[in-house]
N, C-alpha and C. Protein backbone atom coordinates (compact mmCIF):
# COMPACT_ATOMS: atom_id res chain seq x y z
N MET A 1 -8.34 21.77 -4.73
CA MET A 1 -8.32 20.34 -3.94
C MET A 1 -7.51 20.31 -2.70
N SER A 2 -8.18 20.09 -1.58
CA SER A 2 -7.59 19.56 0.02
C SER A 2 -7.10 18.70 -0.03
N PRO A 3 -6.05 18.22 1.60
CA PRO A 3 -5.79 17.27 1.71
C PRO A 3 -6.66 16.45 2.15
N GLU A 4 -8.00 16.71 2.34
CA GLU A 4 -8.82 16.20 3.03
C GLU A 4 -9.77 15.63 2.15
N THR A 5 -9.52 16.36 0.99
CA THR A 5 -10.58 15.77 -0.24
C THR A 5 -10.85 14.58 -0.43
N LEU A 6 -12.18 13.71 -0.34
CA LEU A 6 -11.87 11.94 -0.80
C LEU A 6 -11.83 11.84 -2.01
N VAL A 7 -10.97 10.76 -2.78
CA VAL A 7 -11.17 10.54 -4.01
C VAL A 7 -11.39 8.73 -3.76
N SER A 8 -12.33 8.74 -5.14
CA SER A 8 -12.56 7.13 -5.49
C SER A 8 -13.14 6.68 -6.58
N VAL A 9 -13.40 5.96 -6.82
CA VAL A 9 -13.29 5.30 -8.24
C VAL A 9 -14.77 4.50 -8.37
N VAL A 10 -15.85 5.61 -9.60
CA VAL A 10 -16.99 5.22 -9.44
C VAL A 10 -17.22 3.54 -9.85
N SER A 11 -16.93 2.88 -10.25
CA SER A 11 -17.09 1.68 -10.61
C SER A 11 -15.90 0.82 -10.54
N PRO A 12 -15.31 0.57 -9.37
CA PRO A 12 -14.02 -0.33 -9.40
C PRO A 12 -14.02 -1.74 -9.89
N SER A 13 -15.11 -2.05 -9.78
CA SER A 13 -15.44 -3.94 -10.68
C SER A 13 -15.41 -3.96 -12.24
N LEU A 14 -15.09 -2.71 -12.54
CA LEU A 14 -14.73 -2.52 -13.88
C LEU A 14 -13.53 -2.63 -14.40
N LEU A 15 -12.75 -2.31 -13.25
CA LEU A 15 -11.06 -2.76 -13.82
C LEU A 15 -10.32 -3.70 -13.04
N ARG A 16 -9.61 -4.26 -14.03
CA ARG A 16 -8.55 -4.97 -13.39
C ARG A 16 -7.26 -4.94 -13.41
N ILE A 17 -6.27 -4.77 -12.63
CA ILE A 17 -5.33 -4.53 -12.14
C ILE A 17 -3.93 -5.52 -12.15
N ARG A 18 -2.91 -5.50 -13.27
CA ARG A 18 -2.15 -6.23 -12.40
C ARG A 18 -0.48 -5.88 -12.68
N PHE A 19 -0.01 -6.21 -12.02
CA PHE A 19 1.73 -5.86 -11.58
C PHE A 19 2.67 -6.34 -12.74
N TRP A 20 3.17 -5.86 -13.34
CA TRP A 20 4.48 -6.47 -13.58
C TRP A 20 6.09 -5.57 -13.13
N ASP A 21 6.40 -6.14 -12.27
CA ASP A 21 8.36 -5.31 -12.22
C ASP A 21 7.67 -3.57 -11.89
N GLU A 22 8.39 -3.36 -12.93
CA GLU A 22 8.11 -1.52 -12.27
C GLU A 22 6.52 -0.88 -12.97
N HIS A 23 6.11 -1.86 -13.58
CA HIS A 23 4.59 -1.29 -14.44
C HIS A 23 3.62 -2.24 -13.96
N CYS A 24 2.16 -1.22 -14.03
CA CYS A 24 1.22 -2.25 -14.21
C CYS A 24 0.20 -2.09 -15.45
N VAL A 25 -0.42 -3.20 -15.27
CA VAL A 25 -1.57 -2.82 -16.56
C VAL A 25 -3.19 -2.84 -16.37
N VAL A 26 -4.02 -1.76 -16.57
CA VAL A 26 -5.01 -1.54 -16.07
C VAL A 26 -5.77 -1.53 -17.42
N TYR A 27 -7.03 -3.23 -17.21
CA TYR A 27 -7.71 -3.42 -17.96
C TYR A 27 -9.23 -2.27 -17.95
N ASP A 28 -9.92 -2.04 -18.40
CA ASP A 28 -10.58 -1.64 -18.07
C ASP A 28 -12.08 -2.16 -19.69
N THR A 29 -12.85 -3.01 -18.75
CA THR A 29 -13.37 -3.97 -19.10
C THR A 29 -15.27 -3.29 -19.68
N ALA A 30 -15.22 -1.96 -19.45
CA ALA A 30 -16.13 -1.04 -19.77
C ALA A 30 -15.91 -0.74 -21.42
N SER A 31 -15.00 -0.58 -21.67
CA SER A 31 -14.24 0.44 -23.00
C SER A 31 -13.13 -0.74 -23.57
N SER A 32 -13.15 -1.69 -22.88
CA SER A 32 -12.50 -2.90 -23.44
C SER A 32 -10.86 -2.21 -23.66
N THR A 33 -10.37 -1.35 -22.90
CA THR A 33 -9.00 -0.63 -23.21
C THR A 33 -8.15 -1.22 -22.19
N THR A 34 -6.93 -1.17 -22.90
CA THR A 34 -6.06 -1.64 -21.63
C THR A 34 -4.58 -0.36 -21.76
N HIS A 35 -4.07 -0.12 -20.72
CA HIS A 35 -3.04 1.14 -20.39
C HIS A 35 -2.04 0.28 -19.33
N LEU A 36 -1.19 0.70 -19.93
CA LEU A 36 -0.10 0.94 -19.71
C LEU A 36 0.60 2.01 -18.31
N ILE A 37 0.57 1.77 -16.96
CA ILE A 37 0.76 2.94 -16.43
C ILE A 37 1.95 2.43 -15.42
N GLU A 38 2.90 3.31 -14.74
CA GLU A 38 4.45 3.04 -13.59
C GLU A 38 3.44 2.43 -12.42
N GLN A 39 4.22 1.58 -11.75
CA GLN A 39 3.70 0.61 -10.95
C GLN A 39 3.09 1.65 -9.65
N HIS A 40 3.86 2.37 -9.50
CA HIS A 40 3.00 3.80 -8.09
C HIS A 40 1.86 4.45 -8.62
N ALA A 41 1.63 4.53 -9.89
CA ALA A 41 0.19 4.94 -10.18
C ALA A 41 -0.57 4.01 -9.84
N GLY A 42 -0.32 2.63 -10.17
CA GLY A 42 -1.33 1.25 -10.38
C GLY A 42 -1.43 1.18 -8.75
N LEU A 43 -0.37 1.41 -8.16
CA LEU A 43 -0.79 1.74 -6.67
C LEU A 43 -2.02 2.22 -5.75
N LEU A 44 -1.81 3.76 -6.44
CA LEU A 44 -2.65 4.43 -5.90
C LEU A 44 -3.72 4.03 -6.69
N LEU A 45 -4.13 3.85 -7.96
CA LEU A 45 -5.18 3.62 -8.34
C LEU A 45 -5.93 2.38 -7.45
N GLU A 46 -5.20 1.07 -7.39
CA GLU A 46 -5.75 -0.13 -6.46
C GLU A 46 -6.09 0.37 -5.32
N TRP A 47 -5.50 1.14 -4.72
CA TRP A 47 -6.38 2.05 -3.07
C TRP A 47 -7.27 2.62 -3.06
N VAL A 48 -7.30 3.63 -4.18
CA VAL A 48 -8.79 4.41 -4.54
C VAL A 48 -9.68 3.38 -4.73
N CYS A 49 -9.80 2.30 -5.76
CA CYS A 49 -10.73 1.75 -5.87
C CYS A 49 -11.02 0.34 -4.52
N GLN A 50 -10.08 0.38 -3.54
CA GLN A 50 -10.82 -0.74 -2.14
C GLN A 50 -11.74 0.39 -1.46
N SER A 51 -11.41 1.91 -1.44
CA SER A 51 -12.22 2.05 -0.62
C SER A 51 -11.83 3.76 -1.03
N GLU A 52 -12.85 4.52 -0.48
CA GLU A 52 -13.13 6.22 -0.48
C GLU A 52 -11.77 6.29 0.18
N VAL A 53 -10.87 7.23 -0.29
CA VAL A 53 -9.62 7.83 0.57
C VAL A 53 -9.09 9.21 0.46
N SER A 54 -8.53 9.94 1.39
CA SER A 54 -7.80 10.88 1.34
C SER A 54 -7.29 10.96 0.54
N ILE A 55 -6.61 12.16 -0.19
CA ILE A 55 -5.35 12.49 -0.50
C ILE A 55 -4.14 12.42 0.22
N ALA A 56 -4.70 13.17 1.05
CA ALA A 56 -3.45 12.55 2.26
C ALA A 56 -3.10 11.39 2.61
N SER A 57 -4.17 10.59 2.68
CA SER A 57 -4.01 9.35 3.02
C SER A 57 -3.20 8.51 2.34
N LEU A 58 -3.38 8.78 0.74
CA LEU A 58 -2.87 8.05 -0.62
C LEU A 58 -1.25 8.63 -0.56
N SER A 59 -1.44 10.49 -0.17
CA SER A 59 0.32 10.36 0.23
C SER A 59 1.16 10.05 1.01
N ASP A 60 0.65 9.75 1.82
CA ASP A 60 1.12 9.07 3.00
C ASP A 60 1.78 7.45 2.97
N ARG A 61 0.45 6.71 1.97
CA ARG A 61 0.99 5.68 1.56
C ARG A 61 2.33 5.17 0.80
N LEU A 62 2.16 6.49 0.04
CA LEU A 62 2.75 6.53 -1.57
C LEU A 62 4.02 6.94 -0.47
N ALA A 63 4.31 7.79 0.11
CA ALA A 63 5.52 8.67 0.10
C ALA A 63 6.05 7.15 1.53
N SER A 64 5.55 6.54 2.15
CA SER A 64 5.84 5.18 2.80
C SER A 64 6.95 4.35 2.12
N LEU A 65 6.58 3.85 1.02
CA LEU A 65 6.67 3.43 -0.48
C LEU A 65 8.05 3.61 -1.11
N VAL A 66 8.49 4.65 -0.87
CA VAL A 66 9.54 5.32 -2.05
C VAL A 66 11.02 6.01 -0.64
N SER A 67 9.93 5.39 0.33
CA SER A 67 11.30 6.44 1.04
C SER A 67 12.15 4.85 2.13
């Protein structure tokens, strides 16, 4: 996958994303499943749900948070 590859979520309206401290809870309304993930993974998921985005852009945004 090249850095120019675009990433998107097919049905972002099906996901409910909430943050607590260093964690993120994602509820998938289609499957009625709940997932506990790390905060940074939740941020990546949230950004991808907002709009189609390149891997390079996601990497840059994440790097700006952790540096």
